[in-house]
């Protein structure tokens, strides 16, 4: 089962939804705002992908954070920050039976296609 995590109204999410639809691949969608998110899930993402891939530094939520907060995050603070600000989690995060992908660049699409499209 493929699970896509993110926020429904995000443009990148819409691209991912369309890609899966075009390739006739079924998935389950987990909307952080509707379905929630907890520290265990975020920790799983970070453990699998690394904090640099999970954190969305391009978004306004991250950019608006004071530098002293950005510069002094430990692991617990980092996880809590992402749980409280789900927009700071890169979108989408895709779980393909335990293999995770973060983002939806052309390269990500090619990797998914090689893995999923027969």
PDB file of N, CA and C in Angstrom:
ATOM      1  N   UNK A   1       0.843  -1.193   0.000  1.00  0.00           N
ATOM      2  CA  UNK A   1       0.000   0.000   0.000  1.00  0.00           C
ATOM      3  C   UNK A   1       0.881   1.246   0.000  1.00  0.00           C
ATOM      4  N   UNK A   2       0.544   2.158  -0.849  1.00  0.00           N
ATOM      5  CA  UNK A   2       1.262   3.433  -0.953  1.00  0.00           C
ATOM      6  C   UNK A   2       0.508   4.468  -0.132  1.00  0.00           C
ATOM      7  N   UNK A   3       1.250   5.213   0.661  1.00  0.00           N
ATOM      8  CA  UNK A   3       0.651   6.255   1.477  1.00  0.00           C
ATOM      9  C   UNK A   3       1.353   7.568   1.181  1.00  0.00           C
ATOM     10  N   UNK A   4       0.560   8.601   0.924  1.00  0.00           N
ATOM     11  CA  UNK A   4       1.091   9.924   0.645  1.00  0.00           C
ATOM     12  C   UNK A   4       0.733  10.830   1.818  1.00  0.00           C
ATOM     13  N   UNK A   5       1.743  11.487   2.378  1.00  0.00           N
ATOM     14  CA  UNK A   5       1.557  12.396   3.501  1.00  0.00           C
ATOM     15  C   UNK A   5       1.740  13.829   3.024  1.00  0.00           C
ATOM     16  N   UNK A   6       0.892  14.728   3.518  1.00  0.00           N
ATOM     17  CA  UNK A   6       1.060  16.130   3.172  1.00  0.00           C
ATOM     18  C   UNK A   6      -0.146  16.960   3.516  1.00  0.00           C
ATOM     19  N   UNK A   7      -0.265  18.077   2.821  1.00  0.00           N
ATOM     20  CA  UNK A   7      -1.359  19.029   2.993  1.00  0.00           C
ATOM     21  C   UNK A   7      -2.082  19.125   1.656  1.00  0.00           C
ATOM     22  N   UNK A   8      -3.366  18.913   1.675  1.00  0.00           N
ATOM     23  CA  UNK A   8      -4.144  18.738   0.452  1.00  0.00           C
ATOM     24  C   UNK A   8      -4.024  19.884  -0.549  1.00  0.00           C
ATOM     25  N   UNK A   9      -4.028  21.126  -0.096  1.00  0.00           N
ATOM     26  CA  UNK A   9      -4.086  22.250  -1.035  1.00  0.00           C
ATOM     27  C   UNK A   9      -2.727  22.729  -1.531  1.00  0.00           C
ATOM     28  N   UNK A  10      -1.677  22.010  -1.255  1.00  0.00           N
ATOM     29  CA  UNK A  10      -0.325  22.353  -1.707  1.00  0.00           C
ATOM     30  C   UNK A  10      -0.180  22.024  -3.205  1.00  0.00           C
ATOM     31  N   UNK A  11       0.434  22.917  -3.972  1.00  0.00           N
ATOM     32  CA  UNK A  11       0.612  22.700  -5.414  1.00  0.00           C
ATOM     33  C   UNK A  11       1.414  21.438  -5.719  1.00  0.00           C
ATOM     34  N   UNK A  12       2.459  21.186  -4.936  1.00  0.00           N
ATOM     35  CA  UNK A  12       3.268  19.991  -5.167  1.00  0.00           C
ATOM     36  C   UNK A  12       2.452  18.730  -4.885  1.00  0.00           C
ATOM     37  N   UNK A  13       1.596  18.802  -3.886  1.00  0.00           N
ATOM     38  CA  UNK A  13       0.724  17.666  -3.588  1.00  0.00           C
ATOM     39  C   UNK A  13      -0.216  17.406  -4.764  1.00  0.00           C
ATOM     40  N   UNK A  14      -0.753  18.468  -5.333  1.00  0.00           N
ATOM     41  CA  UNK A  14      -1.664  18.315  -6.472  1.00  0.00           C
ATOM     42  C   UNK A  14      -0.955  17.646  -7.651  1.00  0.00           C
ATOM     43  N   UNK A  15       0.315  18.010  -7.863  1.00  0.00           N
ATOM     44  CA  UNK A  15       1.099  17.358  -8.927  1.00  0.00           C
ATOM     45  C   UNK A  15       1.252  15.870  -8.643  1.00  0.00           C
ATOM     46  N   UNK A  16       1.521  15.548  -7.385  1.00  0.00           N
ATOM     47  CA  UNK A  16       1.686  14.137  -7.015  1.00  0.00           C
ATOM     48  C   UNK A  16       0.379  13.372  -7.203  1.00  0.00           C
ATOM     49  N   UNK A  17      -0.738  13.956  -6.737  1.00  0.00           N
ATOM     50  CA  UNK A  17      -2.028  13.297  -6.909  1.00  0.00           C
ATOM     51  C   UNK A  17      -2.309  13.035  -8.392  1.00  0.00           C
ATOM     52  N   UNK A  18      -2.054  14.030  -9.225  1.00  0.00           N
ATOM     53  CA  UNK A  18      -2.282  13.881 -10.668  1.00  0.00           C
ATOM     54  C   UNK A  18      -1.374  12.819 -11.267  1.00  0.00           C
ATOM     55  N   UNK A  19      -0.119  12.779 -10.833  1.00  0.00           N
ATOM     56  CA  UNK A  19       0.822  11.786 -11.340  1.00  0.00           C
ATOM     57  C   UNK A  19       0.327  10.377 -11.009  1.00  0.00           C
ATOM     58  N   UNK A  20      -0.081  10.160  -9.774  1.00  0.00           N
ATOM     59  CA  UNK A  20      -0.578   8.837  -9.384  1.00  0.00           C
ATOM     60  C   UNK A  20      -1.848   8.484 -10.146  1.00  0.00           C
ATOM     61  N   UNK A  21      -2.720   9.461 -10.339  1.00  0.00           N
ATOM     62  CA  UNK A  21      -3.958   9.224 -11.099  1.00  0.00           C
ATOM     63  C   UNK A  21      -3.628   8.877 -12.550  1.00  0.00           C
ATOM     64  N   UNK A  22      -2.724   9.646 -13.170  1.00  0.00           N
ATOM     65  CA  UNK A  22      -2.340   9.399 -14.563  1.00  0.00           C
ATOM     66  C   UNK A  22      -1.714   8.020 -14.751  1.00  0.00           C
ATOM     67  N   UNK A  23      -1.024   7.541 -13.717  1.00  0.00           N
ATOM     68  CA  UNK A  23      -0.383   6.230 -13.794  1.00  0.00           C
ATOM     69  C   UNK A  23      -1.268   5.117 -13.225  1.00  0.00           C
ATOM     70  N   UNK A  24      -2.496   5.485 -12.878  1.00  0.00           N
ATOM     71  CA  UNK A  24      -3.476   4.533 -12.354  1.00  0.00           C
ATOM     72  C   UNK A  24      -2.931   3.734 -11.170  1.00  0.00           C
ATOM     73  N   UNK A  25      -2.297   4.454 -10.253  1.00  0.00           N
ATOM     74  CA  UNK A  25      -1.723   3.852  -9.054  1.00  0.00           C
ATOM     75  C   UNK A  25      -2.560   4.297  -7.860  1.00  0.00           C
ATOM     76  N   UNK A  26      -3.084   3.333  -7.127  1.00  0.00           N
ATOM     77  CA  UNK A  26      -3.890   3.635  -5.948  1.00  0.00           C
ATOM     78  C   UNK A  26      -2.988   4.020  -4.786  1.00  0.00           C
ATOM     79  N   UNK A  27      -3.498   4.891  -3.939  1.00  0.00           N
ATOM     80  CA  UNK A  27      -2.757   5.337  -2.769  1.00  0.00           C
ATOM     81  C   UNK A  27      -3.742   5.754  -1.690  1.00  0.00           C
ATOM     82  N   UNK A  28      -3.217   5.843  -0.492  1.00  0.00           N
ATOM     83  CA  UNK A  28      -3.976   6.385   0.629  1.00  0.00           C
ATOM     84  C   UNK A  28      -3.348   7.730   0.974  1.00  0.00           C
ATOM     85  N   UNK A  29      -4.176   8.735   1.227  1.00  0.00           N
ATOM     86  CA  UNK A  29      -3.674  10.070   1.531  1.00  0.00           C
ATOM     87  C   UNK A  29      -3.863  10.383   3.012  1.00  0.00           C
ATOM     88  N   UNK A  30      -2.796  10.857   3.640  1.00  0.00           N
ATOM     89  CA  UNK A  30      -2.834  11.289   5.037  1.00  0.00           C
ATOM     90  C   UNK A  30      -2.612  12.797   5.051  1.00  0.00           C
ATOM     91  N   UNK A  31      -3.677  13.536   5.331  1.00  0.00           N
ATOM     92  CA  UNK A  31      -3.624  14.996   5.389  1.00  0.00           C
ATOM     93  C   UNK A  31      -3.258  15.399   6.817  1.00  0.00           C
ATOM     94  N   UNK A  32      -2.099  16.039   6.970  1.00  0.00           N
ATOM     95  CA  UNK A  32      -1.649  16.438   8.300  1.00  0.00           C
ATOM     96  C   UNK A  32      -2.700  17.266   9.034  1.00  0.00           C
ATOM     97  N   UNK A  33      -3.374  18.139   8.324  1.00  0.00           N
ATOM     98  CA  UNK A  33      -4.330  19.051   8.972  1.00  0.00           C
ATOM     99  C   UNK A  33      -5.636  18.350   9.338  1.00  0.00           C
ATOM    100  N   UNK A  34      -6.028  17.374   8.564  1.00  0.00           N
ATOM    101  CA  UNK A  34      -7.271  16.650   8.836  1.00  0.00           C
ATOM    102  C   UNK A  34      -7.033  15.428   9.721  1.00  0.00           C
ATOM    103  N   UNK A  35      -6.005  14.660   9.379  1.00  0.00           N
ATOM    104  CA  UNK A  35      -5.745  13.393  10.067  1.00  0.00           C
ATOM    105  C   UNK A  35      -4.768  13.513  11.227  1.00  0.00           C
ATOM    106  N   UNK A  36      -4.095  14.664  11.325  1.00  0.00           N
ATOM    107  CA  UNK A  36      -3.151  14.880  12.410  1.00  0.00           C
ATOM    108  C   UNK A  36      -1.767  14.343  12.122  1.00  0.00           C
ATOM    109  N   UNK A  37      -0.877  14.676  13.022  1.00  0.00           N
ATOM    110  CA  UNK A  37       0.510  14.221  12.929  1.00  0.00           C
ATOM    111  C   UNK A  37       1.058  14.194  14.351  1.00  0.00           C
ATOM    112  N   UNK A  38       1.912  13.250  14.624  1.00  0.00           N
ATOM    113  CA  UNK A  38       2.501  13.186  15.956  1.00  0.00           C
ATOM    114  C   UNK A  38       4.015  13.037  15.849  1.00  0.00           C
ATOM    115  N   UNK A  39       4.650  13.138  16.993  1.00  0.00           N
ATOM    116  CA  UNK A  39       6.111  13.104  17.027  1.00  0.00           C
ATOM    117  C   UNK A  39       6.672  11.775  16.528  1.00  0.00           C
ATOM    118  N   UNK A  40       5.973  10.678  16.808  1.00  0.00           N
ATOM    119  CA  UNK A  40       6.453   9.355  16.361  1.00  0.00           C
ATOM    120  C   UNK A  40       6.501   9.277  14.840  1.00  0.00           C
ATOM    121  N   UNK A  41       5.484   9.816  14.168  1.00  0.00           N
ATOM    122  CA  UNK A  41       5.462   9.798  12.705  1.00  0.00           C
ATOM    123  C   UNK A  41       6.587  10.667  12.141  1.00  0.00           C
ATOM    124  N   UNK A  42       6.748  11.855  12.694  1.00  0.00           N
ATOM    125  CA  UNK A  42       7.813  12.750  12.221  1.00  0.00           C
ATOM    126  C   UNK A  42       9.174  12.115  12.474  1.00  0.00           C
ATOM    127  N   UNK A  43       9.355  11.487  13.631  1.00  0.00           N
ATOM    128  CA  UNK A  43      10.628  10.823  13.930  1.00  0.00           C
ATOM    129  C   UNK A  43      10.897   9.711  12.923  1.00  0.00           C
ATOM    130  N   UNK A  44       9.865   8.988  12.549  1.00  0.00           N
ATOM    131  CA  UNK A  44      10.013   7.938  11.540  1.00  0.00           C
ATOM    132  C   UNK A  44      10.504   8.534  10.216  1.00  0.00           C
ATOM    133  N   UNK A  45       9.897   9.652   9.796  1.00  0.00           N
ATOM    134  CA  UNK A  45      10.338  10.326   8.576  1.00  0.00           C
ATOM    135  C   UNK A  45      11.810  10.707   8.674  1.00  0.00           C
ATOM    136  N   UNK A  46      12.185  11.326   9.798  1.00  0.00           N
ATOM    137  CA  UNK A  46      13.562  11.798   9.986  1.00  0.00           C
ATOM    138  C   UNK A  46      14.528  10.615  10.029  1.00  0.00           C
ATOM    139  N   UNK A  47      14.148   9.544  10.723  1.00  0.00           N
ATOM    140  CA  UNK A  47      15.011   8.362  10.790  1.00  0.00           C
ATOM    141  C   UNK A  47      15.235   7.760   9.408  1.00  0.00           C
ATOM    142  N   UNK A  48      14.214   7.748   8.574  1.00  0.00           N
ATOM    143  CA  UNK A  48      14.311   7.141   7.246  1.00  0.00           C
ATOM    144  C   UNK A  48      14.969   8.054   6.211  1.00  0.00           C
ATOM    145  N   UNK A  49      14.678   9.356   6.287  1.00  0.00           N
ATOM    146  CA  UNK A  49      15.110  10.279   5.233  1.00  0.00           C
ATOM    147  C   UNK A  49      16.201  11.256   5.653  1.00  0.00           C
ATOM    148  N   UNK A  50      16.326  11.505   6.944  1.00  0.00           N
ATOM    149  CA  UNK A  50      17.255  12.519   7.439  1.00  0.00           C
ATOM    150  C   UNK A  50      16.543  13.860   7.585  1.00  0.00           C
ATOM    151  N   UNK A  51      16.979  14.641   8.539  1.00  0.00           N
ATOM    152  CA  UNK A  51      16.300  15.906   8.828  1.00  0.00           C
ATOM    153  C   UNK A  51      16.383  16.899   7.675  1.00  0.00           C
ATOM    154  N   UNK A  52      17.465  16.879   6.922  1.00  0.00           N
ATOM    155  CA  UNK A  52      17.611  17.823   5.811  1.00  0.00           C
ATOM    156  C   UNK A  52      16.574  17.586   4.712  1.00  0.00           C
ATOM    157  N   UNK A  53      16.210  16.331   4.478  1.00  0.00           N
ATOM    158  CA  UNK A  53      15.193  16.036   3.462  1.00  0.00           C
ATOM    159  C   UNK A  53      13.777  16.276   3.973  1.00  0.00           C
ATOM    160  N   UNK A  54      13.565  16.104   5.261  1.00  0.00           N
ATOM    161  CA  UNK A  54      12.224  16.255   5.825  1.00  0.00           C
ATOM    162  C   UNK A  54      11.856  17.730   6.014  1.00  0.00           C
ATOM    163  N   UNK A  55      12.811  18.545   6.377  1.00  0.00           N
ATOM    164  CA  UNK A  55      12.546  19.956   6.654  1.00  0.00           C
ATOM    165  C   UNK A  55      12.404  20.758   5.366  1.00  0.00           C
ATOM    166  N   UNK A  56      11.307  21.484   5.257  1.00  0.00           N
ATOM    167  CA  UNK A  56      11.047  22.362   4.112  1.00  0.00           C
ATOM    168  C   UNK A  56      11.561  23.763   4.446  1.00  0.00           C
ATOM    169  N   UNK A  57      12.782  24.049   4.053  1.00  0.00           N
ATOM    170  CA  UNK A  57      13.381  25.356   4.335  1.00  0.00           C
ATOM    171  C   UNK A  57      12.945  26.424   3.336  1.00  0.00           C
ATOM    172  N   UNK A  58      12.263  26.028   2.287  1.00  0.00           N
ATOM    173  CA  UNK A  58      11.836  26.998   1.267  1.00  0.00           C
ATOM    174  C   UNK A  58      10.529  27.693   1.634  1.00  0.00           C
ATOM    175  N   UNK A  59       9.801  27.138   2.571  1.00  0.00           N
ATOM    176  CA  UNK A  59       8.506  27.692   2.939  1.00  0.00           C
ATOM    177  C   UNK A  59       8.606  28.907   3.845  1.00  0.00           C
ATOM    178  N   UNK A  60       7.562  29.679   3.859  1.00  0.00           N
ATOM    179  CA  UNK A  60       7.556  30.906   4.667  1.00  0.00           C
ATOM    180  C   UNK A  60       7.544  30.606   6.160  1.00  0.00           C
ATOM    181  N   UNK A  61       6.959  29.499   6.578  1.00  0.00           N
ATOM    182  CA  UNK A  61       6.917  29.171   8.004  1.00  0.00           C
ATOM    183  C   UNK A  61       8.332  29.055   8.555  1.00  0.00           C
ATOM    184  N   UNK A  62       9.216  28.358   7.846  1.00  0.00           N
ATOM    185  CA  UNK A  62      10.609  28.219   8.276  1.00  0.00           C
ATOM    186  C   UNK A  62      11.336  29.557   8.181  1.00  0.00           C
ATOM    187  N   UNK A  63      11.162  30.250   7.089  1.00  0.00           N
ATOM    188  CA  UNK A  63      11.894  31.500   6.886  1.00  0.00           C
ATOM    189  C   UNK A  63      11.522  32.559   7.909  1.00  0.00           C
ATOM    190  N   UNK A  64      10.299  32.510   8.431  1.00  0.00           N
ATOM    191  CA  UNK A  64       9.860  33.503   9.409  1.00  0.00           C
ATOM    192  C   UNK A  64      10.325  33.197  10.831  1.00  0.00           C
ATOM    193  N   UNK A  65      10.851  31.999  11.057  1.00  0.00           N
ATOM    194  CA  UNK A  65      11.342  31.656  12.392  1.00  0.00           C
ATOM    195  C   UNK A  65      12.552  32.504  12.748  1.00  0.00           C
ATOM    196  N   UNK A  66      12.637  32.949  13.984  1.00  0.00           N
ATOM    197  CA  UNK A  66      13.836  33.688  14.409  1.00  0.00           C
ATOM    198  C   UNK A  66      15.083  32.807  14.304  1.00  0.00           C
ATOM    199  N   UNK A  67      16.204  33.428  13.957  1.00  0.00           N
ATOM    200  CA  UNK A  67      17.457  32.687  13.788  1.00  0.00           C
ATOM    201  C   UNK A  67      17.874  31.953  15.050  1.00  0.00           C
ATOM    202  N   UNK A  68      17.615  32.526  16.233  1.00  0.00           N
ATOM    203  CA  UNK A  68      18.032  31.851  17.458  1.00  0.00           C
ATOM    204  C   UNK A  68      17.298  30.521  17.641  1.00  0.00           C
ATOM    205  N   UNK A  69      16.077  30.413  17.162  1.00  0.00           N
ATOM    206  CA  UNK A  69      15.356  29.131  17.218  1.00  0.00           C
ATOM    207  C   UNK A  69      15.938  28.169  16.190  1.00  0.00           C
ATOM    208  N   UNK A  70      16.147  28.648  14.978  1.00  0.00           N
ATOM    209  CA  UNK A  70      16.702  27.802  13.921  1.00  0.00           C
ATOM    210  C   UNK A  70      18.070  27.251  14.305  1.00  0.00           C
ATOM    211  N   UNK A  71      18.883  28.079  14.921  1.00  0.00           N
ATOM    212  CA  UNK A  71      20.272  27.713  15.214  1.00  0.00           C
ATOM    213  C   UNK A  71      20.426  26.839  16.448  1.00  0.00           C
ATOM    214  N   UNK A  72      19.395  26.724  17.267  1.00  0.00           N
ATOM    215  CA  UNK A  72      19.539  26.019  18.542  1.00  0.00           C
ATOM    216  C   UNK A  72      18.583  24.845  18.703  1.00  0.00           C
ATOM    217  N   UNK A  73      18.219  24.220  17.607  1.00  0.00           N
ATOM    218  CA  UNK A  73      17.303  23.084  17.678  1.00  0.00           C
ATOM    219  C   UNK A  73      18.054  21.791  17.970  1.00  0.00           C
ATOM    220  N   UNK A  74      17.633  21.097  19.028  1.00  0.00           N
ATOM    221  CA  UNK A  74      18.108  19.736  19.243  1.00  0.00           C
ATOM    222  C   UNK A  74      17.081  18.796  18.621  1.00  0.00           C
ATOM    223  N   UNK A  75      17.294  17.498  18.696  1.00  0.00           N
ATOM    224  CA  UNK A  75      16.387  16.557  18.025  1.00  0.00           C
ATOM    225  C   UNK A  75      14.960  16.678  18.547  1.00  0.00           C
ATOM    226  N   UNK A  76      14.802  16.757  19.866  1.00  0.00           N
ATOM    227  CA  UNK A  76      13.463  16.856  20.447  1.00  0.00           C
ATOM    228  C   UNK A  76      12.776  18.143  20.022  1.00  0.00           C
ATOM    229  N   UNK A  77      13.503  19.241  20.062  1.00  0.00           N
ATOM    230  CA  UNK A  77      12.945  20.523  19.636  1.00  0.00           C
ATOM    231  C   UNK A  77      12.594  20.528  18.162  1.00  0.00           C
ATOM    232  N   UNK A  78      13.433  19.894  17.359  1.00  0.00           N
ATOM    233  CA  UNK A  78      13.197  19.803  15.928  1.00  0.00           C
ATOM    234  C   UNK A  78      11.909  19.042  15.645  1.00  0.00           C
ATOM    235  N   UNK A  79      11.739  17.883  16.275  1.00  0.00           N
ATOM    236  CA  UNK A  79      10.544  17.078  16.067  1.00  0.00           C
ATOM    237  C   UNK A  79       9.299  17.826  16.528  1.00  0.00           C
ATOM    238  N   UNK A  80       9.370  18.458  17.689  1.00  0.00           N
ATOM    239  CA  UNK A  80       8.231  19.221  18.211  1.00  0.00           C
ATOM    240  C   UNK A  80       7.868  20.364  17.272  1.00  0.00           C
ATOM    241  N   UNK A  81       8.883  21.041  16.750  1.00  0.00           N
ATOM    242  CA  UNK A  81       8.649  22.158  15.835  1.00  0.00           C
ATOM    243  C   UNK A  81       7.890  21.691  14.591  1.00  0.00           C
ATOM    244  N   UNK A  82       8.262  20.546  14.042  1.00  0.00           N
ATOM    245  CA  UNK A  82       7.587  20.022  12.852  1.00  0.00           C
ATOM    246  C   UNK A  82       6.162  19.563  13.161  1.00  0.00           C
ATOM    247  N   UNK A  83       5.954  18.985  14.338  1.00  0.00           N
ATOM    248  CA  UNK A  83       4.607  18.566  14.711  1.00  0.00           C
ATOM    249  C   UNK A  83       3.698  19.790  14.856  1.00  0.00           C
ATOM    250  N   UNK A  84       4.218  20.840  15.449  1.00  0.00           N
ATOM    251  CA  UNK A  84       3.436  22.065  15.660  1.00  0.00           C
ATOM    252  C   UNK A  84       3.261  22.870  14.372  1.00  0.00           C
ATOM    253  N   UNK A  85       4.150  22.692  13.411  1.00  0.00           N
ATOM    254  CA  UNK A  85       4.135  23.459  12.161  1.00  0.00           C
ATOM    255  C   UNK A  85       4.267  22.505  10.978  1.00  0.00           C
ATOM    256  N   UNK A  86       3.196  21.781  10.697  1.00  0.00           N
ATOM    257  CA  UNK A  86       3.260  20.739   9.659  1.00  0.00           C
ATOM    258  C   UNK A  86       3.635  21.292   8.292  1.00  0.00           C
ATOM    259  N   UNK A  87       3.468  22.595   8.082  1.00  0.00           N
ATOM    260  CA  UNK A  87       3.855  23.192   6.798  1.00  0.00           C
ATOM    261  C   UNK A  87       5.371  23.178   6.610  1.00  0.00           C
ATOM    262  N   UNK A  88       6.118  22.936   7.689  1.00  0.00           N
ATOM    263  CA  UNK A  88       7.576  22.868   7.577  1.00  0.00           C
ATOM    264  C   UNK A  88       8.072  21.484   7.170  1.00  0.00           C
ATOM    265  N   UNK A  89       7.150  20.549   6.978  1.00  0.00           N
ATOM    266  CA  UNK A  89       7.531  19.220   6.519  1.00  0.00           C
ATOM    267  C   UNK A  89       7.442  19.209   4.994  1.00  0.00           C
ATOM    268  N   UNK A  90       8.519  18.788   4.360  1.00  0.00           N
ATOM    269  CA  UNK A  90       8.556  18.723   2.891  1.00  0.00           C
ATOM    270  C   UNK A  90       7.374  17.900   2.384  1.00  0.00           C
ATOM    271  N   UNK A  91       6.832  18.345   1.267  1.00  0.00           N
ATOM    272  CA  UNK A  91       5.662  17.671   0.709  1.00  0.00           C
ATOM    273  C   UNK A  91       5.911  17.278  -0.734  1.00  0.00           C
ATOM    274  N   UNK A  92       5.342  16.143  -1.083  1.00  0.00           N
ATOM    275  CA  UNK A  92       4.792  15.113  -0.222  1.00  0.00           C
ATOM    276  C   UNK A  92       5.895  14.227   0.348  1.00  0.00           C
ATOM    277  N   UNK A  93       5.545  13.477   1.358  1.00  0.00           N
ATOM    278  CA  UNK A  93       6.363  12.335   1.758  1.00  0.00           C
ATOM    279  C   UNK A  93       5.553  11.116   1.343  1.00  0.00           C
ATOM    280  N   UNK A  94       6.187  10.252   0.583  1.00  0.00           N
ATOM    281  CA  UNK A  94       5.503   9.085   0.023  1.00  0.00           C
ATOM    282  C   UNK A  94       6.133   7.827   0.602  1.00  0.00           C
ATOM    283  N   UNK A  95       5.288   6.980   1.141  1.00  0.00           N
ATOM    284  CA  UNK A  95       5.711   5.696   1.696  1.00  0.00           C
ATOM    285  C   UNK A  95       5.277   4.595   0.734  1.00  0.00           C
ATOM    286  N   UNK A  96       6.262   3.972   0.113  1.00  0.00           N
ATOM    287  CA  UNK A  96       6.000   2.848  -0.786  1.00  0.00           C
ATOM    288  C   UNK A  96       6.485   1.600  -0.056  1.00  0.00           C
ATOM    289  N   UNK A  97       5.561   1.006   0.686  1.00  0.00           N
ATOM    290  CA  UNK A  97       5.839  -0.193   1.498  1.00  0.00           C
ATOM    291  C   UNK A  97       7.174  -0.110   2.241  1.00  0.00           C
ATOM    292  N   UNK A  98       7.343   0.984   2.975  1.00  0.00           N
ATOM    293  CA  UNK A  98       8.521   1.144   3.815  1.00  0.00           C
ATOM    294  C   UNK A  98       9.675   1.907   3.201  1.00  0.00           C
ATOM    295  N   UNK A  99       9.638   2.178   1.913  1.00  0.00           N
ATOM    296  CA  UNK A  99      10.659   3.010   1.274  1.00  0.00           C
ATOM    297  C   UNK A  99      10.068   4.405   1.120  1.00  0.00           C
ATOM    298  N   UNK A 100      10.768   5.398   1.661  1.00  0.00           N
ATOM    299  CA  UNK A 100      10.244   6.759   1.686  1.00  0.00           C
ATOM    300  C   UNK A 100      10.881   7.639   0.621  1.00  0.00           C
ATOM    301  N   UNK A 101      10.056   8.547   0.116  1.00  0.00           N
ATOM    302  CA  UNK A 101      10.488   9.584  -0.821  1.00  0.00           C
ATOM    303  C   UNK A 101       9.987  10.912  -0.271  1.00  0.00           C
ATOM    304  N   UNK A 102      10.807  11.946  -0.353  1.00  0.00           N
ATOM    305  CA  UNK A 102      10.404  13.279   0.109  1.00  0.00           C
ATOM    306  C   UNK A 102      10.501  14.240  -1.060  1.00  0.00           C
ATOM    307  N   UNK A 103       9.393  14.911  -1.353  1.00  0.00           N
ATOM    308  CA  UNK A 103       9.355  15.848  -2.465  1.00  0.00           C
ATOM    309  C   UNK A 103       8.826  15.180  -3.716  1.00  0.00           C
ATOM    310  N   UNK A 104       8.701  15.972  -4.773  1.00  0.00           N
ATOM    311  CA  UNK A 104       8.165  15.422  -6.011  1.00  0.00           C
ATOM    312  C   UNK A 104       8.831  16.059  -7.224  1.00  0.00           C
ATOM    313  N   UNK A 105      10.141  16.075  -7.187  1.00  0.00           N
ATOM    314  CA  UNK A 105      10.911  16.596  -8.312  1.00  0.00           C
ATOM    315  C   UNK A 105      10.845  15.618  -9.482  1.00  0.00           C
ATOM    316  N   UNK A 106      11.377  16.027 -10.615  1.00  0.00           N
ATOM    317  CA  UNK A 106      11.433  15.140 -11.782  1.00  0.00           C
ATOM    318  C   UNK A 106      12.186  13.850 -11.429  1.00  0.00           C
ATOM    319  N   UNK A 107      13.265  13.993 -10.666  1.00  0.00           N
ATOM    320  CA  UNK A 107      14.051  12.831 -10.253  1.00  0.00           C
ATOM    321  C   UNK A 107      13.213  11.894  -9.375  1.00  0.00           C
ATOM    322  N   UNK A 108      12.435  12.475  -8.445  1.00  0.00           N
ATOM    323  CA  UNK A 108      11.565  11.658  -7.600  1.00  0.00           C
ATOM    324  C   UNK A 108      10.542  10.906  -8.447  1.00  0.00           C
ATOM    325  N   UNK A 109       9.984  11.594  -9.426  1.00  0.00           N
ATOM    326  CA  UNK A 109       8.992  10.975 -10.304  1.00  0.00           C
ATOM    327  C   UNK A 109       9.613   9.816 -11.083  1.00  0.00           C
ATOM    328  N   UNK A 110      10.833  10.003 -11.558  1.00  0.00           N
ATOM    329  CA  UNK A 110      11.524   8.939 -12.307  1.00  0.00           C
ATOM    330  C   UNK A 110      11.777   7.728 -11.415  1.00  0.00           C
ATOM    331  N   UNK A 111      12.180   7.977 -10.168  1.00  0.00           N
ATOM    332  CA  UNK A 111      12.416   6.872  -9.231  1.00  0.00           C
ATOM    333  C   UNK A 111      11.119   6.121  -8.945  1.00  0.00           C
ATOM    334  N   UNK A 112      10.048   6.873  -8.717  1.00  0.00           N
ATOM    335  CA  UNK A 112       8.756   6.230  -8.467  1.00  0.00           C
ATOM    336  C   UNK A 112       8.292   5.444  -9.690  1.00  0.00           C
ATOM    337  N   UNK A 113       8.491   6.018 -10.855  1.00  0.00           N
ATOM    338  CA  UNK A 113       8.080   5.332 -12.078  1.00  0.00           C
ATOM    339  C   UNK A 113       8.832   4.015 -12.243  1.00  0.00           C
ATOM    340  N   UNK A 114      10.132   4.036 -11.989  1.00  0.00           N
ATOM    341  CA  UNK A 114      10.925   2.814 -12.102  1.00  0.00           C
ATOM    342  C   UNK A 114      10.468   1.751 -11.088  1.00  0.00           C
ATOM    343  N   UNK A 115      10.028   2.219  -9.941  1.00  0.00           N
ATOM    344  CA  UNK A 115       9.632   1.316  -8.877  1.00  0.00           C
ATOM    345  C   UNK A 115       8.194   0.804  -9.047  1.00  0.00           C
ATOM    346  N   UNK A 116       7.304   1.668  -9.552  1.00  0.00           N
ATOM    347  CA  UNK A 116       5.877   1.350  -9.516  1.00  0.00           C
ATOM    348  C   UNK A 116       5.217   1.048 -10.850  1.00  0.00           C
ATOM    349  N   UNK A 117       5.729   1.606 -11.928  1.00  0.00           N
ATOM    350  CA  UNK A 117       5.056   1.455 -13.219  1.00  0.00           C
ATOM    351  C   UNK A 117       5.623   0.245 -13.929  1.00  0.00           C
ATOM    352  N   UNK A 118       4.755  -0.673 -14.223  1.00  0.00           N
ATOM    353  CA  UNK A 118       5.202  -1.922 -14.878  1.00  0.00           C
ATOM    354  C   UNK A 118       5.028  -1.796 -16.372  1.00  0.00           C
TER     355      UNK A 118
END
